[in-house]
Amino acid sequence: MSRSLWKPVYIDSKIANQEKNLTYTLYNRNLTILPEYLGLSVKIYNGIRFYEIIITEKMFGYKFGEFSSTRRYPKHKKKK
């Protein structure tokens, strides 16, 4: 279910105050990517490991969770 339109955008003020050369770890995947985050290096936790991404202009308006997959791809056994 998506967030209601009358509510403001869900953001984290700690990320906006970060320096550009540091990496910031996120556990909350439903934060919206804002233009202030351009060039930041962020590690996003997907439940198993961290995915490191660098925020670009094409990512604005998306959620952080869209860039770290939580699904495992099936590995089928080979026939003998």
N, C-alpha and C. Protein backbone atom coordinates (compact mmCIF):
# COMPACT_ATOMS: atom_id res chain seq x y z
N MET A 1 0.85 -1.17 0.00
CA MET A 1 0.00 0.00 0.00
C MET A 1 0.89 1.23 0.00
N SER A 2 0.58 2.19 -0.82
CA SER A 2 1.39 3.38 -0.92
C SER A 2 1.02 4.40 0.15
N ARG A 3 1.87 5.37 0.31
CA ARG A 3 1.66 6.41 1.32
C ARG A 3 0.58 7.37 0.84
N SER A 4 -0.25 7.86 1.76
CA SER A 4 -1.33 8.78 1.42
C SER A 4 -0.78 10.08 0.85
N LEU A 5 -1.50 10.67 -0.09
CA LEU A 5 -1.03 11.88 -0.74
C LEU A 5 -1.07 13.11 0.16
N TRP A 6 -1.93 13.09 1.17
CA TRP A 6 -2.02 14.26 2.03
C TRP A 6 -0.89 14.30 3.05
N LYS A 7 -0.16 13.19 3.22
CA LYS A 7 0.96 13.17 4.16
C LYS A 7 2.20 13.74 3.47
N PRO A 8 3.11 14.34 4.24
CA PRO A 8 4.35 14.84 3.63
C PRO A 8 5.27 13.69 3.25
N VAL A 9 6.29 13.98 2.46
CA VAL A 9 7.26 12.97 2.02
C VAL A 9 8.06 12.51 3.23
N TYR A 10 8.27 11.20 3.32
CA TYR A 10 9.00 10.62 4.44
C TYR A 10 10.50 10.70 4.16
N ILE A 11 11.23 11.50 4.96
CA ILE A 11 12.67 11.70 4.74
C ILE A 11 13.40 11.54 6.06
N ASP A 12 14.72 11.45 5.97
CA ASP A 12 15.57 11.38 7.15
C ASP A 12 16.50 12.58 7.15
N SER A 13 16.42 13.42 8.15
CA SER A 13 17.22 14.65 8.17
C SER A 13 18.70 14.37 8.40
N LYS A 14 19.05 13.19 8.93
CA LYS A 14 20.45 12.86 9.17
C LYS A 14 21.21 12.71 7.85
N ILE A 15 20.55 12.23 6.82
CA ILE A 15 21.21 12.01 5.53
C ILE A 15 21.55 13.33 4.87
N ALA A 16 20.67 14.30 4.96
CA ALA A 16 20.89 15.59 4.30
C ALA A 16 22.07 16.34 4.89
N ASN A 17 22.40 16.07 6.15
CA ASN A 17 23.49 16.76 6.81
C ASN A 17 24.83 16.04 6.67
N GLN A 18 24.88 14.94 5.92
CA GLN A 18 26.10 14.17 5.76
C GLN A 18 27.07 14.84 4.81
N GLU A 19 28.35 14.57 5.01
CA GLU A 19 29.37 15.05 4.09
C GLU A 19 29.38 14.15 2.86
N LYS A 20 29.83 14.69 1.74
CA LYS A 20 29.77 13.96 0.47
C LYS A 20 30.72 12.77 0.42
N ASN A 21 31.81 12.77 1.19
CA ASN A 21 32.79 11.70 1.07
C ASN A 21 32.54 10.54 2.03
N LEU A 22 31.54 10.62 2.90
CA LEU A 22 31.23 9.56 3.84
C LEU A 22 30.11 8.68 3.31
N THR A 23 30.07 7.42 3.77
CA THR A 23 28.96 6.55 3.42
C THR A 23 28.02 6.49 4.63
N TYR A 24 26.75 6.46 4.36
CA TYR A 24 25.74 6.45 5.39
C TYR A 24 24.96 5.14 5.29
N THR A 25 24.76 4.44 6.38
CA THR A 25 24.04 3.18 6.35
C THR A 25 22.57 3.42 6.67
N LEU A 26 21.72 2.78 5.90
CA LEU A 26 20.27 2.91 6.07
C LEU A 26 19.65 1.55 6.32
N TYR A 27 18.79 1.48 7.30
CA TYR A 27 17.99 0.28 7.51
C TYR A 27 16.56 0.51 7.05
N ASN A 28 16.17 1.76 6.93
CA ASN A 28 14.82 2.12 6.55
C ASN A 28 14.75 2.28 5.03
N ARG A 29 14.07 1.36 4.36
CA ARG A 29 14.06 1.33 2.90
C ARG A 29 12.98 2.21 2.28
N ASN A 30 12.07 2.74 3.08
CA ASN A 30 10.96 3.51 2.50
C ASN A 30 11.18 5.02 2.55
N LEU A 31 12.42 5.46 2.67
CA LEU A 31 12.74 6.89 2.61
C LEU A 31 12.76 7.33 1.15
N THR A 32 12.26 8.51 0.88
CA THR A 32 12.24 9.06 -0.47
C THR A 32 13.58 9.75 -0.76
N ILE A 33 14.08 9.56 -1.98
CA ILE A 33 15.35 10.18 -2.39
C ILE A 33 15.06 11.60 -2.87
N LEU A 34 15.72 12.56 -2.25
CA LEU A 34 15.53 13.98 -2.56
C LEU A 34 16.75 14.53 -3.29
N PRO A 35 16.62 15.67 -3.98
CA PRO A 35 17.76 16.27 -4.69
C PRO A 35 18.92 16.66 -3.77
N GLU A 36 18.67 16.87 -2.48
CA GLU A 36 19.75 17.21 -1.55
C GLU A 36 20.72 16.06 -1.36
N TYR A 37 20.32 14.85 -1.69
CA TYR A 37 21.15 13.66 -1.49
C TYR A 37 22.06 13.38 -2.68
N LEU A 38 22.08 14.23 -3.68
CA LEU A 38 22.86 13.99 -4.90
C LEU A 38 24.34 13.80 -4.57
N GLY A 39 24.91 12.71 -5.05
CA GLY A 39 26.32 12.42 -4.86
C GLY A 39 26.66 11.69 -3.58
N LEU A 40 25.69 11.46 -2.70
CA LEU A 40 25.97 10.74 -1.46
C LEU A 40 26.15 9.25 -1.74
N SER A 41 26.99 8.62 -0.97
CA SER A 41 27.17 7.18 -1.02
C SER A 41 26.39 6.58 0.15
N VAL A 42 25.46 5.68 -0.15
CA VAL A 42 24.56 5.14 0.85
C VAL A 42 24.61 3.62 0.79
N LYS A 43 24.65 2.98 1.98
CA LYS A 43 24.55 1.53 2.07
C LYS A 43 23.15 1.20 2.57
N ILE A 44 22.40 0.40 1.77
CA ILE A 44 21.02 0.06 2.09
C ILE A 44 20.95 -1.40 2.51
N TYR A 45 20.36 -1.66 3.66
CA TYR A 45 20.25 -3.01 4.19
C TYR A 45 19.01 -3.68 3.62
N ASN A 46 19.16 -4.91 3.10
CA ASN A 46 18.01 -5.60 2.53
C ASN A 46 17.57 -6.78 3.38
N GLY A 47 18.09 -6.92 4.58
CA GLY A 47 17.73 -8.02 5.45
C GLY A 47 18.81 -9.06 5.55
N ILE A 48 19.73 -9.07 4.60
CA ILE A 48 20.83 -10.02 4.60
C ILE A 48 22.17 -9.29 4.57
N ARG A 49 22.30 -8.36 3.64
CA ARG A 49 23.56 -7.63 3.50
C ARG A 49 23.27 -6.20 3.04
N PHE A 50 24.32 -5.39 2.99
CA PHE A 50 24.20 -4.00 2.57
C PHE A 50 24.55 -3.86 1.09
N TYR A 51 23.76 -3.08 0.36
CA TYR A 51 24.04 -2.71 -1.02
C TYR A 51 24.49 -1.26 -1.02
N GLU A 52 25.65 -1.00 -1.60
CA GLU A 52 26.16 0.37 -1.65
C GLU A 52 25.79 1.01 -2.98
N ILE A 53 25.17 2.18 -2.92
CA ILE A 53 24.81 2.92 -4.13
C ILE A 53 25.27 4.36 -3.99
N ILE A 54 25.48 5.01 -5.11
CA ILE A 54 25.77 6.43 -5.16
C ILE A 54 24.56 7.09 -5.82
N ILE A 55 24.00 8.08 -5.18
CA ILE A 55 22.75 8.69 -5.64
C ILE A 55 23.02 9.60 -6.83
N THR A 56 22.26 9.38 -7.91
CA THR A 56 22.37 10.18 -9.13
C THR A 56 21.05 10.90 -9.37
N GLU A 57 21.03 11.71 -10.43
CA GLU A 57 19.83 12.51 -10.73
C GLU A 57 18.64 11.65 -11.13
N LYS A 58 18.87 10.50 -11.71
CA LYS A 58 17.78 9.64 -12.16
C LYS A 58 17.02 8.99 -11.01
N MET A 59 17.56 9.03 -9.82
CA MET A 59 16.97 8.36 -8.66
C MET A 59 16.00 9.24 -7.87
N PHE A 60 15.90 10.52 -8.20
CA PHE A 60 15.05 11.43 -7.42
C PHE A 60 13.59 10.98 -7.48
N GLY A 61 12.93 10.99 -6.34
CA GLY A 61 11.53 10.64 -6.26
C GLY A 61 11.28 9.17 -5.99
N TYR A 62 12.28 8.33 -6.16
CA TYR A 62 12.13 6.91 -5.87
C TYR A 62 12.41 6.65 -4.40
N LYS A 63 12.17 5.43 -3.96
CA LYS A 63 12.47 5.02 -2.60
C LYS A 63 13.83 4.31 -2.59
N PHE A 64 14.50 4.32 -1.45
CA PHE A 64 15.78 3.65 -1.35
C PHE A 64 15.66 2.14 -1.52
N GLY A 65 14.53 1.59 -1.12
CA GLY A 65 14.33 0.15 -1.22
C GLY A 65 14.27 -0.37 -2.64
N GLU A 66 14.02 0.48 -3.60
CA GLU A 66 13.93 0.04 -4.99
C GLU A 66 15.30 -0.29 -5.57
N PHE A 67 16.37 0.08 -4.88
CA PHE A 67 17.71 -0.14 -5.39
C PHE A 67 18.45 -1.24 -4.64
N SER A 68 17.78 -1.96 -3.75
CA SER A 68 18.38 -3.12 -3.08
C SER A 68 17.34 -4.23 -3.06
N SER A 69 17.59 -5.24 -3.84
CA SER A 69 16.64 -6.34 -3.98
C SER A 69 16.64 -7.23 -2.74
N THR A 70 15.45 -7.67 -2.33
CA THR A 70 15.33 -8.57 -1.19
C THR A 70 15.06 -10.00 -1.64
N ARG A 71 14.92 -10.22 -2.91
CA ARG A 71 14.60 -11.55 -3.44
C ARG A 71 15.88 -12.31 -3.79
N ARG A 72 15.80 -13.61 -3.63
CA ARG A 72 16.90 -14.47 -4.07
C ARG A 72 16.49 -15.11 -5.38
N TYR A 73 17.42 -15.17 -6.30
CA TYR A 73 17.13 -15.80 -7.57
C TYR A 73 17.25 -17.31 -7.43
N PRO A 74 16.32 -18.07 -8.02
CA PRO A 74 16.36 -19.52 -7.83
C PRO A 74 17.55 -20.13 -8.56
N LYS A 75 18.17 -21.10 -7.92
CA LYS A 75 19.27 -21.86 -8.51
C LYS A 75 18.79 -23.29 -8.65
N HIS A 76 18.52 -23.70 -9.85
CA HIS A 76 18.02 -25.05 -10.09
C HIS A 76 19.17 -26.03 -10.16
N LYS A 77 18.92 -27.22 -9.68
CA LYS A 77 19.94 -28.26 -9.74
C LYS A 77 20.06 -28.78 -11.15
N LYS A 78 21.29 -29.14 -11.52
CA LYS A 78 21.53 -29.70 -12.85
C LYS A 78 21.23 -31.19 -12.83
N LYS A 79 20.72 -31.68 -13.96
CA LYS A 79 20.48 -33.12 -14.07
C LYS A 79 21.79 -33.84 -14.23
N LYS A 80 21.88 -35.02 -13.66
CA LYS A 80 23.11 -35.81 -13.75
C LYS A 80 23.15 -36.65 -14.98
